[in-house]
Amino acid sequence: QQKREAITTAATELFLDRGYDGTSLARIAEAAGVSKSTLFKRFPTKA
């Protein structure tokens, strides 16, 4: 749950700062402090 909250919080901040199109899942994983595999396992797409 902590990892999920970190991902959604980081994504919200990046979407707001860089735009939806300008934000990659890899950048969200980095900002959330989780591995890309962890993020893709939970959210395979930005949508």
ModelCIF file with pLDDT and N, C-alpha, C, O atoms, coordinates in Angstrom:
data_MODEL
#
_entry.id   MODEL 
#
_entity.id                         1 
_entity.type                       polymer 
_entity.pdbx_number_of_molecules   1 
#
_entity_poly.entity_id                      1 
_entity_poly.type                           'polypeptide(L)' 
_entity_poly.nstd_linkage                   no 
_entity_poly.nstd_monomer                   no 
_entity_poly.pdbx_seq_one_letter_code       QQKREAITTAATELFLDRGYDGTSLARIAEAAGVSKSTLFKRFPTKA 
_entity_poly.pdbx_seq_one_letter_code_can   QQKREAITTAATELFLDRGYDGTSLARIAEAAGVSKSTLFKRFPTKA 
_entity_poly.pdbx_strand_id                 A 
#
loop_
_entity_poly_seq.entity_id 
_entity_poly_seq.num 
_entity_poly_seq.mon_id 
_entity_poly_seq.hetero 
1 1  GLN n 
1 2  GLN n 
1 3  LYS n 
1 4  ARG n 
1 5  GLU n 
1 6  ALA n 
1 7  ILE n 
1 8  THR n 
1 9  THR n 
1 10 ALA n 
1 11 ALA n 
1 12 THR n 
1 13 GLU n 
1 14 LEU n 
1 15 PHE n 
1 16 LEU n 
1 17 ASP n 
1 18 ARG n 
1 19 GLY n 
1 20 TYR n 
1 21 ASP n 
1 22 GLY n 
1 23 THR n 
1 24 SER n 
1 25 LEU n 
1 26 ALA n 
1 27 ARG n 
1 28 ILE n 
1 29 ALA n 
1 30 GLU n 
1 31 ALA n 
1 32 ALA n 
1 33 GLY n 
1 34 VAL n 
1 35 SER n 
1 36 LYS n 
1 37 SER n 
1 38 THR n 
1 39 LEU n 
1 40 PHE n 
1 41 LYS n 
1 42 ARG n 
1 43 PHE n 
1 44 PRO n 
1 45 THR n 
1 46 LYS n 
1 47 ALA n 
#
_struct_asym.id          A 
_struct_asym.entity_id   1 
#
loop_
_ma_qa_metric.id 
_ma_qa_metric.mode 
_ma_qa_metric.name 
_ma_qa_metric.software_group_id 
_ma_qa_metric.type 
1 global pLDDT . pLDDT 
2 local  pLDDT . pLDDT 
#
_ma_qa_metric_global.metric_id      1 
_ma_qa_metric_global.metric_value   93.26 
_ma_qa_metric_global.model_id       1 
_ma_qa_metric_global.ordinal_id     1 
#
loop_
_ma_qa_metric_local.label_asym_id 
_ma_qa_metric_local.label_comp_id 
_ma_qa_metric_local.label_seq_id 
_ma_qa_metric_local.metric_id 
_ma_qa_metric_local.metric_value 
_ma_qa_metric_local.model_id 
_ma_qa_metric_local.ordinal_id 
A GLN 1  2 89.00 1 1  
A GLN 2  2 91.00 1 2  
A LYS 3  2 92.00 1 3  
A ARG 4  2 92.00 1 4  
A GLU 5  2 92.00 1 5  
A ALA 6  2 94.00 1 6  
A ILE 7  2 96.00 1 7  
A THR 8  2 94.00 1 8  
A THR 9  2 93.00 1 9  
A ALA 10 2 95.00 1 10 
A ALA 11 2 94.00 1 11 
A THR 12 2 92.00 1 12 
A GLU 13 2 93.00 1 13 
A LEU 14 2 94.00 1 14 
A PHE 15 2 93.00 1 15 
A LEU 16 2 89.00 1 16 
A ASP 17 2 91.00 1 17 
A ARG 18 2 91.00 1 18 
A GLY 19 2 91.00 1 19 
A TYR 20 2 92.00 1 20 
A ASP 21 2 91.00 1 21 
A GLY 22 2 92.00 1 22 
A THR 23 2 94.00 1 23 
A SER 24 2 94.00 1 24 
A LEU 25 2 95.00 1 25 
A ALA 26 2 94.00 1 26 
A ARG 27 2 95.00 1 27 
A ILE 28 2 96.00 1 28 
A ALA 29 2 96.00 1 29 
A GLU 30 2 96.00 1 30 
A ALA 31 2 96.00 1 31 
A ALA 32 2 96.00 1 32 
A GLY 33 2 95.00 1 33 
A VAL 34 2 94.00 1 34 
A SER 35 2 94.00 1 35 
A LYS 36 2 93.00 1 36 
A SER 37 2 93.00 1 37 
A THR 38 2 93.00 1 38 
A LEU 39 2 94.00 1 39 
A PHE 40 2 93.00 1 40 
A LYS 41 2 92.00 1 41 
A ARG 42 2 92.00 1 42 
A PHE 43 2 94.00 1 43 
A PRO 44 2 94.00 1 44 
A THR 45 2 94.00 1 45 
A LYS 46 2 93.00 1 46 
A ALA 47 2 92.00 1 47 
#
loop_
_atom_site.group_PDB 
_atom_site.id 
_atom_site.type_symbol 
_atom_site.label_atom_id 
_atom_site.label_alt_id 
_atom_site.label_comp_id 
_atom_site.label_asym_id 
_atom_site.label_entity_id 
_atom_site.label_seq_id 
_atom_site.pdbx_PDB_ins_code 
_atom_site.Cartn_x 
_atom_site.Cartn_y 
_atom_site.Cartn_z 
_atom_site.occupancy 
_atom_site.B_iso_or_equiv 
_atom_site.pdbx_formal_charge 
_atom_site.auth_seq_id 
_atom_site.auth_comp_id 
_atom_site.auth_asym_id 
_atom_site.auth_atom_id 
_atom_site.pdbx_PDB_model_num 
ATOM 1   N N  . GLN A 1 1  ? 0.825  -1.196 0.000   1.00 89.00 ? 1  GLN A N  1 
ATOM 2   C CA . GLN A 1 1  ? 0.000  0.000  0.000   1.00 89.00 ? 1  GLN A CA 1 
ATOM 3   C C  . GLN A 1 1  ? 0.870  1.261  0.000   1.00 89.00 ? 1  GLN A C  1 
ATOM 4   O O  . GLN A 1 1  ? 0.549  2.239  -0.674  1.00 89.00 ? 1  GLN A O  1 
ATOM 5   N N  . GLN A 1 2  ? 1.962  1.233  0.752   1.00 91.00 ? 2  GLN A N  1 
ATOM 6   C CA . GLN A 1 2  ? 2.872  2.371  0.783   1.00 91.00 ? 2  GLN A CA 1 
ATOM 7   C C  . GLN A 1 2  ? 3.486  2.633  -0.590  1.00 91.00 ? 2  GLN A C  1 
ATOM 8   O O  . GLN A 1 2  ? 3.615  3.781  -1.016  1.00 91.00 ? 2  GLN A O  1 
ATOM 9   N N  . LYS A 1 3  ? 3.861  1.557  -1.272  1.00 92.00 ? 3  LYS A N  1 
ATOM 10  C CA . LYS A 1 3  ? 4.426  1.710  -2.614  1.00 92.00 ? 3  LYS A CA 1 
ATOM 11  C C  . LYS A 1 3  ? 3.383  2.245  -3.589  1.00 92.00 ? 3  LYS A C  1 
ATOM 12  O O  . LYS A 1 3  ? 3.680  3.090  -4.434  1.00 92.00 ? 3  LYS A O  1 
ATOM 13  N N  . ARG A 1 4  ? 2.162  1.744  -3.458  1.00 92.00 ? 4  ARG A N  1 
ATOM 14  C CA . ARG A 1 4  ? 1.095  2.219  -4.341  1.00 92.00 ? 4  ARG A CA 1 
ATOM 15  C C  . ARG A 1 4  ? 0.837  3.708  -4.129  1.00 92.00 ? 4  ARG A C  1 
ATOM 16  O O  . ARG A 1 4  ? 0.681  4.459  -5.091  1.00 92.00 ? 4  ARG A O  1 
ATOM 17  N N  . GLU A 1 5  ? 0.795  4.130  -2.872  1.00 92.00 ? 5  GLU A N  1 
ATOM 18  C CA . GLU A 1 5  ? 0.569  5.542  -2.575  1.00 92.00 ? 5  GLU A CA 1 
ATOM 19  C C  . GLU A 1 5  ? 1.726  6.401  -3.069  1.00 92.00 ? 5  GLU A C  1 
ATOM 20  O O  . GLU A 1 5  ? 1.512  7.509  -3.561  1.00 92.00 ? 5  GLU A O  1 
ATOM 21  N N  . ALA A 1 6  ? 2.951  5.897  -2.939  1.00 94.00 ? 6  ALA A N  1 
ATOM 22  C CA . ALA A 1 6  ? 4.111  6.639  -3.441  1.00 94.00 ? 6  ALA A CA 1 
ATOM 23  C C  . ALA A 1 6  ? 4.040  6.814  -4.949  1.00 94.00 ? 6  ALA A C  1 
ATOM 24  O O  . ALA A 1 6  ? 4.396  7.870  -5.473  1.00 94.00 ? 6  ALA A O  1 
ATOM 25  N N  . ILE A 1 7  ? 3.580  5.780  -5.647  1.00 96.00 ? 7  ILE A N  1 
ATOM 26  C CA . ILE A 1 7  ? 3.466  5.841  -7.109  1.00 96.00 ? 7  ILE A CA 1 
ATOM 27  C C  . ILE A 1 7  ? 2.388  6.832  -7.531  1.00 96.00 ? 7  ILE A C  1 
ATOM 28  O O  . ILE A 1 7  ? 2.627  7.669  -8.400  1.00 96.00 ? 7  ILE A O  1 
ATOM 29  N N  . THR A 1 8  ? 1.206  6.747  -6.928  1.00 94.00 ? 8  THR A N  1 
ATOM 30  C CA . THR A 1 8  ? 0.122  7.639  -7.335  1.00 94.00 ? 8  THR A CA 1 
ATOM 31  C C  . THR A 1 8  ? 0.420  9.091  -6.968  1.00 94.00 ? 8  THR A C  1 
ATOM 32  O O  . THR A 1 8  ? 0.048  10.007 -7.702  1.00 94.00 ? 8  THR A O  1 
ATOM 33  N N  . THR A 1 9  ? 1.093  9.305  -5.828  1.00 93.00 ? 9  THR A N  1 
ATOM 34  C CA . THR A 1 9  ? 1.460  10.670 -5.443  1.00 93.00 ? 9  THR A CA 1 
ATOM 35  C C  . THR A 1 9  ? 2.486  11.247 -6.414  1.00 93.00 ? 9  THR A C  1 
ATOM 36  O O  . THR A 1 9  ? 2.349  12.383 -6.867  1.00 93.00 ? 9  THR A O  1 
ATOM 37  N N  . ALA A 1 10 ? 3.509  10.465 -6.730  1.00 95.00 ? 10 ALA A N  1 
ATOM 38  C CA . ALA A 1 10 ? 4.531  10.930 -7.672  1.00 95.00 ? 10 ALA A CA 1 
ATOM 39  C C  . ALA A 1 10 ? 3.929  11.185 -9.050  1.00 95.00 ? 10 ALA A C  1 
ATOM 40  O O  . ALA A 1 10 ? 4.277  12.162 -9.713  1.00 95.00 ? 10 ALA A O  1 
ATOM 41  N N  . ALA A 1 11 ? 3.034  10.313 -9.475  1.00 94.00 ? 11 ALA A N  1 
ATOM 42  C CA . ALA A 1 11 ? 2.412  10.478 -10.797 1.00 94.00 ? 11 ALA A CA 1 
ATOM 43  C C  . ALA A 1 11 ? 1.580  11.748 -10.849 1.00 94.00 ? 11 ALA A C  1 
ATOM 44  O O  . ALA A 1 11 ? 1.641  12.492 -11.828 1.00 94.00 ? 11 ALA A O  1 
ATOM 45  N N  . THR A 1 12 ? 0.805  12.001 -9.804  1.00 92.00 ? 12 THR A N  1 
ATOM 46  C CA . THR A 1 12 ? -0.022 13.211 -9.766  1.00 92.00 ? 12 THR A CA 1 
ATOM 47  C C  . THR A 1 12 ? 0.847  14.461 -9.858  1.00 92.00 ? 12 THR A C  1 
ATOM 48  O O  . THR A 1 12 ? 0.533  15.386 -10.607 1.00 92.00 ? 12 THR A O  1 
ATOM 49  N N  . GLU A 1 13 ? 1.935  14.488 -9.097  1.00 93.00 ? 13 GLU A N  1 
ATOM 50  C CA . GLU A 1 13 ? 2.816  15.661 -9.100  1.00 93.00 ? 13 GLU A CA 1 
ATOM 51  C C  . GLU A 1 13 ? 3.482  15.844 -10.466 1.00 93.00 ? 13 GLU A C  1 
ATOM 52  O O  . GLU A 1 13 ? 3.601  16.968 -10.954 1.00 93.00 ? 13 GLU A O  1 
ATOM 53  N N  . LEU A 1 14 ? 3.909  14.755 -11.073 1.00 94.00 ? 14 LEU A N  1 
ATOM 54  C CA . LEU A 1 14 ? 4.572  14.853 -12.376 1.00 94.00 ? 14 LEU A CA 1 
ATOM 55  C C  . LEU A 1 14 ? 3.588  15.202 -13.484 1.00 94.00 ? 14 LEU A C  1 
ATOM 56  O O  . LEU A 1 14 ? 3.916  15.988 -14.373 1.00 94.00 ? 14 LEU A O  1 
ATOM 57  N N  . PHE A 1 15 ? 2.388  14.631 -13.446 1.00 93.00 ? 15 PHE A N  1 
ATOM 58  C CA . PHE A 1 15 ? 1.377  14.983 -14.439 1.00 93.00 ? 15 PHE A CA 1 
ATOM 59  C C  . PHE A 1 15 ? 1.071  16.475 -14.377 1.00 93.00 ? 15 PHE A C  1 
ATOM 60  O O  . PHE A 1 15 ? 0.891  17.129 -15.405 1.00 93.00 ? 15 PHE A O  1 
ATOM 61  N N  . LEU A 1 16 ? 1.016  16.995 -13.172 1.00 89.00 ? 16 LEU A N  1 
ATOM 62  C CA . LEU A 1 16 ? 0.700  18.406 -12.989 1.00 89.00 ? 16 LEU A CA 1 
ATOM 63  C C  . LEU A 1 16 ? 1.866  19.290 -13.438 1.00 89.00 ? 16 LEU A C  1 
ATOM 64  O O  . LEU A 1 16 ? 1.657  20.354 -14.022 1.00 89.00 ? 16 LEU A O  1 
ATOM 65  N N  . ASP A 1 17 ? 3.090  18.844 -13.162 1.00 91.00 ? 17 ASP A N  1 
ATOM 66  C CA . ASP A 1 17 ? 4.266  19.653 -13.463 1.00 91.00 ? 17 ASP A CA 1 
ATOM 67  C C  . ASP A 1 17 ? 4.689  19.538 -14.937 1.00 91.00 ? 17 ASP A C  1 
ATOM 68  O O  . ASP A 1 17 ? 5.001  20.544 -15.575 1.00 91.00 ? 17 ASP A O  1 
ATOM 69  N N  . ARG A 1 18 ? 4.697  18.307 -15.474 1.00 91.00 ? 18 ARG A N  1 
ATOM 70  C CA . ARG A 1 18 ? 5.215  18.062 -16.813 1.00 91.00 ? 18 ARG A CA 1 
ATOM 71  C C  . ARG A 1 18 ? 4.136  17.769 -17.853 1.00 91.00 ? 18 ARG A C  1 
ATOM 72  O O  . ARG A 1 18 ? 4.410  17.716 -19.052 1.00 91.00 ? 18 ARG A O  1 
ATOM 73  N N  . GLY A 1 19 ? 2.913  17.580 -17.376 1.00 91.00 ? 19 GLY A N  1 
ATOM 74  C CA . GLY A 1 19 ? 1.852  17.192 -18.292 1.00 91.00 ? 19 GLY A CA 1 
ATOM 75  C C  . GLY A 1 19 ? 1.751  15.680 -18.407 1.00 91.00 ? 19 GLY A C  1 
ATOM 76  O O  . GLY A 1 19 ? 2.715  14.954 -18.161 1.00 91.00 ? 19 GLY A O  1 
ATOM 77  N N  . TYR A 1 20 ? 0.576  15.227 -18.780 1.00 92.00 ? 20 TYR A N  1 
ATOM 78  C CA . TYR A 1 20 ? 0.349  13.781 -18.917 1.00 92.00 ? 20 TYR A CA 1 
ATOM 79  C C  . TYR A 1 20 ? 1.239  13.203 -20.004 1.00 92.00 ? 20 TYR A C  1 
ATOM 80  O O  . TYR A 1 20 ? 1.869  12.163 -19.808 1.00 92.00 ? 20 TYR A O  1 
ATOM 81  N N  . ASP A 1 21 ? 1.294  13.871 -21.149 1.00 91.00 ? 21 ASP A N  1 
ATOM 82  C CA . ASP A 1 21 ? 2.072  13.369 -22.275 1.00 91.00 ? 21 ASP A CA 1 
ATOM 83  C C  . ASP A 1 21 ? 3.565  13.430 -21.996 1.00 91.00 ? 21 ASP A C  1 
ATOM 84  O O  . ASP A 1 21 ? 4.321  12.585 -22.477 1.00 91.00 ? 21 ASP A O  1 
ATOM 85  N N  . GLY A 1 22 ? 3.998  14.423 -21.221 1.00 92.00 ? 22 GLY A N  1 
ATOM 86  C CA . GLY A 1 22 ? 5.422  14.604 -20.973 1.00 92.00 ? 22 GLY A CA 1 
ATOM 87  C C  . GLY A 1 22 ? 5.968  13.796 -19.814 1.00 92.00 ? 22 GLY A C  1 
ATOM 88  O O  . GLY A 1 22 ? 7.127  13.964 -19.433 1.00 92.00 ? 22 GLY A O  1 
ATOM 89  N N  . THR A 1 23 ? 5.161  12.931 -19.254 1.00 94.00 ? 23 THR A N  1 
ATOM 90  C CA . THR A 1 23 ? 5.586  12.119 -18.108 1.00 94.00 ? 23 THR A CA 1 
ATOM 91  C C  . THR A 1 23 ? 5.631  10.648 -18.498 1.00 94.00 ? 23 THR A C  1 
ATOM 92  O O  . THR A 1 23 ? 4.636  10.097 -18.969 1.00 94.00 ? 23 THR A O  1 
ATOM 93  N N  . SER A 1 24 ? 6.766  10.023 -18.306 1.00 94.00 ? 24 SER A N  1 
ATOM 94  C CA . SER A 1 24 ? 6.903  8.599  -18.613 1.00 94.00 ? 24 SER A CA 1 
ATOM 95  C C  . SER A 1 24 ? 6.734  7.770  -17.354 1.00 94.00 ? 24 SER A C  1 
ATOM 96  O O  . SER A 1 24 ? 6.918  8.266  -16.242 1.00 94.00 ? 24 SER A O  1 
ATOM 97  N N  . LEU A 1 25 ? 6.385  6.510  -17.536 1.00 95.00 ? 25 LEU A N  1 
ATOM 98  C CA . LEU A 1 25 ? 6.275  5.615  -16.386 1.00 95.00 ? 25 LEU A CA 1 
ATOM 99  C C  . LEU A 1 25 ? 7.630  5.415  -15.707 1.00 95.00 ? 25 LEU A C  1 
ATOM 100 O O  . LEU A 1 25 ? 7.705  5.252  -14.489 1.00 95.00 ? 25 LEU A O  1 
ATOM 101 N N  . ALA A 1 26 ? 8.695  5.429  -16.502 1.00 94.00 ? 26 ALA A N  1 
ATOM 102 C CA . ALA A 1 26 ? 10.032 5.280  -15.921 1.00 94.00 ? 26 ALA A CA 1 
ATOM 103 C C  . ALA A 1 26 ? 10.344 6.456  -14.995 1.00 94.00 ? 26 ALA A C  1 
ATOM 104 O O  . ALA A 1 26 ? 10.928 6.275  -13.926 1.00 94.00 ? 26 ALA A O  1 
ATOM 105 N N  . ARG A 1 27 ? 9.950  7.667  -15.414 1.00 95.00 ? 27 ARG A N  1 
ATOM 106 C CA . ARG A 1 27 ? 10.183 8.847  -14.580 1.00 95.00 ? 27 ARG A CA 1 
ATOM 107 C C  . ARG A 1 27 ? 9.351  8.775  -13.304 1.00 95.00 ? 27 ARG A C  1 
ATOM 108 O O  . ARG A 1 27 ? 9.812  9.187  -12.239 1.00 95.00 ? 27 ARG A O  1 
ATOM 109 N N  . ILE A 1 28 ? 8.141  8.261  -13.403 1.00 96.00 ? 28 ILE A N  1 
ATOM 110 C CA . ILE A 1 28 ? 7.288  8.118  -12.223 1.00 96.00 ? 28 ILE A CA 1 
ATOM 111 C C  . ILE A 1 28 ? 7.902  7.118  -11.245 1.00 96.00 ? 28 ILE A C  1 
ATOM 112 O O  . ILE A 1 28 ? 7.902  7.351  -10.037 1.00 96.00 ? 28 ILE A O  1 
ATOM 113 N N  . ALA A 1 29 ? 8.425  6.008  -11.762 1.00 96.00 ? 29 ALA A N  1 
ATOM 114 C CA . ALA A 1 29 ? 9.056  5.009  -10.893 1.00 96.00 ? 29 ALA A CA 1 
ATOM 115 C C  . ALA A 1 29 ? 10.237 5.618  -10.143 1.00 96.00 ? 29 ALA A C  1 
ATOM 116 O O  . ALA A 1 29 ? 10.419 5.381  -8.949  1.00 96.00 ? 29 ALA A O  1 
ATOM 117 N N  . GLU A 1 30 ? 11.042 6.413  -10.867 1.00 96.00 ? 30 GLU A N  1 
ATOM 118 C CA . GLU A 1 30 ? 12.196 7.056  -10.237 1.00 96.00 ? 30 GLU A CA 1 
ATOM 119 C C  . GLU A 1 30 ? 11.750 8.016  -9.128  1.00 96.00 ? 30 GLU A C  1 
ATOM 120 O O  . GLU A 1 30 ? 12.317 8.015  -8.035  1.00 96.00 ? 30 GLU A O  1 
ATOM 121 N N  . ALA A 1 31 ? 10.736 8.831  -9.413  1.00 96.00 ? 31 ALA A N  1 
ATOM 122 C CA . ALA A 1 31 ? 10.264 9.808  -8.429  1.00 96.00 ? 31 ALA A CA 1 
ATOM 123 C C  . ALA A 1 31 ? 9.628  9.127  -7.219  1.00 96.00 ? 31 ALA A C  1 
ATOM 124 O O  . ALA A 1 31 ? 9.714  9.638  -6.102  1.00 96.00 ? 31 ALA A O  1 
ATOM 125 N N  . ALA A 1 32 ? 8.989  7.973  -7.440  1.00 96.00 ? 32 ALA A N  1 
ATOM 126 C CA . ALA A 1 32 ? 8.323  7.247  -6.356  1.00 96.00 ? 32 ALA A CA 1 
ATOM 127 C C  . ALA A 1 32 ? 9.292  6.403  -5.540  1.00 96.00 ? 32 ALA A C  1 
ATOM 128 O O  . ALA A 1 32 ? 8.948  5.927  -4.458  1.00 96.00 ? 32 ALA A O  1 
ATOM 129 N N  . GLY A 1 33 ? 10.509 6.218  -6.061  1.00 95.00 ? 33 GLY A N  1 
ATOM 130 C CA . GLY A 1 33 ? 11.486 5.407  -5.335  1.00 95.00 ? 33 GLY A CA 1 
ATOM 131 C C  . GLY A 1 33 ? 11.205 3.921  -5.434  1.00 95.00 ? 33 GLY A C  1 
ATOM 132 O O  . GLY A 1 33 ? 11.517 3.167  -4.512  1.00 95.00 ? 33 GLY A O  1 
ATOM 133 N N  . VAL A 1 34 ? 10.614 3.489  -6.548  1.00 94.00 ? 34 VAL A N  1 
ATOM 134 C CA . VAL A 1 34 ? 10.344 2.062  -6.759  1.00 94.00 ? 34 VAL A CA 1 
ATOM 135 C C  . VAL A 1 34 ? 10.985 1.638  -8.074  1.00 94.00 ? 34 VAL A C  1 
ATOM 136 O O  . VAL A 1 34 ? 11.330 2.479  -8.904  1.00 94.00 ? 34 VAL A O  1 
ATOM 137 N N  . SER A 1 35 ? 11.140 0.355  -8.255  1.00 94.00 ? 35 SER A N  1 
ATOM 138 C CA . SER A 1 35 ? 11.709 -0.146 -9.504  1.00 94.00 ? 35 SER A CA 1 
ATOM 139 C C  . SER A 1 35 ? 10.668 -0.068 -10.621 1.00 94.00 ? 35 SER A C  1 
ATOM 140 O O  . SER A 1 35 ? 9.463  -0.047 -10.373 1.00 94.00 ? 35 SER A O  1 
ATOM 141 N N  . LYS A 1 36 ? 11.166 -0.027 -11.847 1.00 93.00 ? 36 LYS A N  1 
ATOM 142 C CA . LYS A 1 36 ? 10.241 0.005  -12.987 1.00 93.00 ? 36 LYS A CA 1 
ATOM 143 C C  . LYS A 1 36 ? 9.401  -1.269 -13.038 1.00 93.00 ? 36 LYS A C  1 
ATOM 144 O O  . LYS A 1 36 ? 8.228  -1.228 -13.411 1.00 93.00 ? 36 LYS A O  1 
ATOM 145 N N  . SER A 1 37 ? 9.995  -2.390 -12.667 1.00 93.00 ? 37 SER A N  1 
ATOM 146 C CA . SER A 1 37 ? 9.238  -3.643 -12.687 1.00 93.00 ? 37 SER A CA 1 
ATOM 147 C C  . SER A 1 37 ? 8.095  -3.609 -11.676 1.00 93.00 ? 37 SER A C  1 
ATOM 148 O O  . SER A 1 37 ? 7.011  -4.132 -11.936 1.00 93.00 ? 37 SER A O  1 
ATOM 149 N N  . THR A 1 38 ? 8.344  -2.988 -10.518 1.00 93.00 ? 38 THR A N  1 
ATOM 150 C CA . THR A 1 38 ? 7.288  -2.861 -9.504  1.00 93.00 ? 38 THR A CA 1 
ATOM 151 C C  . THR A 1 38 ? 6.144  -2.015 -10.043 1.00 93.00 ? 38 THR A C  1 
ATOM 152 O O  . THR A 1 38 ? 4.975  -2.370 -9.889  1.00 93.00 ? 38 THR A O  1 
ATOM 153 N N  . LEU A 1 39 ? 6.486  -0.891 -10.678 1.00 94.00 ? 39 LEU A N  1 
ATOM 154 C CA . LEU A 1 39 ? 5.444  -0.018 -11.214 1.00 94.00 ? 39 LEU A CA 1 
ATOM 155 C C  . LEU A 1 39 ? 4.673  -0.702 -12.334 1.00 94.00 ? 39 LEU A C  1 
ATOM 156 O O  . LEU A 1 39 ? 3.442  -0.676 -12.346 1.00 94.00 ? 39 LEU A O  1 
ATOM 157 N N  . PHE A 1 40 ? 5.388  -1.317 -13.279 1.00 93.00 ? 40 PHE A N  1 
ATOM 158 C CA . PHE A 1 40 ? 4.714  -1.944 -14.423 1.00 93.00 ? 40 PHE A CA 1 
ATOM 159 C C  . PHE A 1 40 ? 3.852  -3.130 -13.989 1.00 93.00 ? 40 PHE A C  1 
ATOM 160 O O  . PHE A 1 40 ? 2.850  -3.444 -14.631 1.00 93.00 ? 40 PHE A O  1 
ATOM 161 N N  . LYS A 1 41 ? 4.244  -3.777 -12.909 1.00 92.00 ? 41 LYS A N  1 
ATOM 162 C CA . LYS A 1 41 ? 3.443  -4.892 -12.410 1.00 92.00 ? 41 LYS A CA 1 
ATOM 163 C C  . LYS A 1 41 ? 2.081  -4.406 -11.939 1.00 92.00 ? 41 LYS A C  1 
ATOM 164 O O  . LYS A 1 41 ? 1.071  -5.084 -12.127 1.00 92.00 ? 41 LYS A O  1 
ATOM 165 N N  . ARG A 1 42 ? 2.057  -3.217 -11.319 1.00 92.00 ? 42 ARG A N  1 
ATOM 166 C CA . ARG A 1 42 ? 0.811  -2.661 -10.798 1.00 92.00 ? 42 ARG A CA 1 
ATOM 167 C C  . ARG A 1 42 ? 0.056  -1.855 -11.860 1.00 92.00 ? 42 ARG A C  1 
ATOM 168 O O  . ARG A 1 42 ? -1.170 -1.919 -11.950 1.00 92.00 ? 42 ARG A O  1 
ATOM 169 N N  . PHE A 1 43 ? 0.803  -1.103 -12.655 1.00 94.00 ? 43 PHE A N  1 
ATOM 170 C CA . PHE A 1 43 ? 0.185  -0.223 -13.656 1.00 94.00 ? 43 PHE A CA 1 
ATOM 171 C C  . PHE A 1 43 ? 0.921  -0.377 -14.981 1.00 94.00 ? 43 PHE A C  1 
ATOM 172 O O  . PHE A 1 43 ? 1.919  0.304  -15.216 1.00 94.00 ? 43 PHE A O  1 
ATOM 173 N N  . PRO A 1 44 ? 0.448  -1.250 -15.837 1.00 94.00 ? 44 PRO A N  1 
ATOM 174 C CA . PRO A 1 44 ? 1.164  -1.504 -17.100 1.00 94.00 ? 44 PRO A CA 1 
ATOM 175 C C  . PRO A 1 44 ? 1.123  -0.335 -18.077 1.00 94.00 ? 44 PRO A C  1 
ATOM 176 O O  . PRO A 1 44 ? 1.939  -0.279 -18.997 1.00 94.00 ? 44 PRO A O  1 
ATOM 177 N N  . THR A 1 45 ? 0.189  0.601  -17.895 1.00 94.00 ? 45 THR A N  1 
ATOM 178 C CA . THR A 1 45 ? 0.091  1.753  -18.779 1.00 94.00 ? 45 THR A CA 1 
ATOM 179 C C  . THR A 1 45 ? -0.171 3.018  -17.963 1.00 94.00 ? 45 THR A C  1 
ATOM 180 O O  . THR A 1 45 ? -0.595 2.953  -16.809 1.00 94.00 ? 45 THR A O  1 
ATOM 181 N N  . LYS A 1 46 ? 0.089  4.167  -18.586 1.00 93.00 ? 46 LYS A N  1 
ATOM 182 C CA . LYS A 1 46 ? -0.226 5.431  -17.917 1.00 93.00 ? 46 LYS A CA 1 
ATOM 183 C C  . LYS A 1 46 ? -1.724 5.572  -17.715 1.00 93.00 ? 46 LYS A C  1 
ATOM 184 O O  . LYS A 1 46 ? -2.174 6.119  -16.709 1.00 93.00 ? 46 LYS A O  1 
ATOM 185 N N  . ALA A 1 47 ? -2.494 5.078  -18.674 1.00 92.00 ? 47 ALA A N  1 
ATOM 186 C CA . ALA A 1 47 ? -3.949 5.162  -18.548 1.00 92.00 ? 47 ALA A CA 1 
ATOM 187 C C  . ALA A 1 47 ? -4.434 4.386  -17.327 1.00 92.00 ? 47 ALA A C  1 
ATOM 188 O O  . ALA A 1 47 ? -5.634 4.343  -17.059 1.00 92.00 ? 47 ALA A O  1 
#
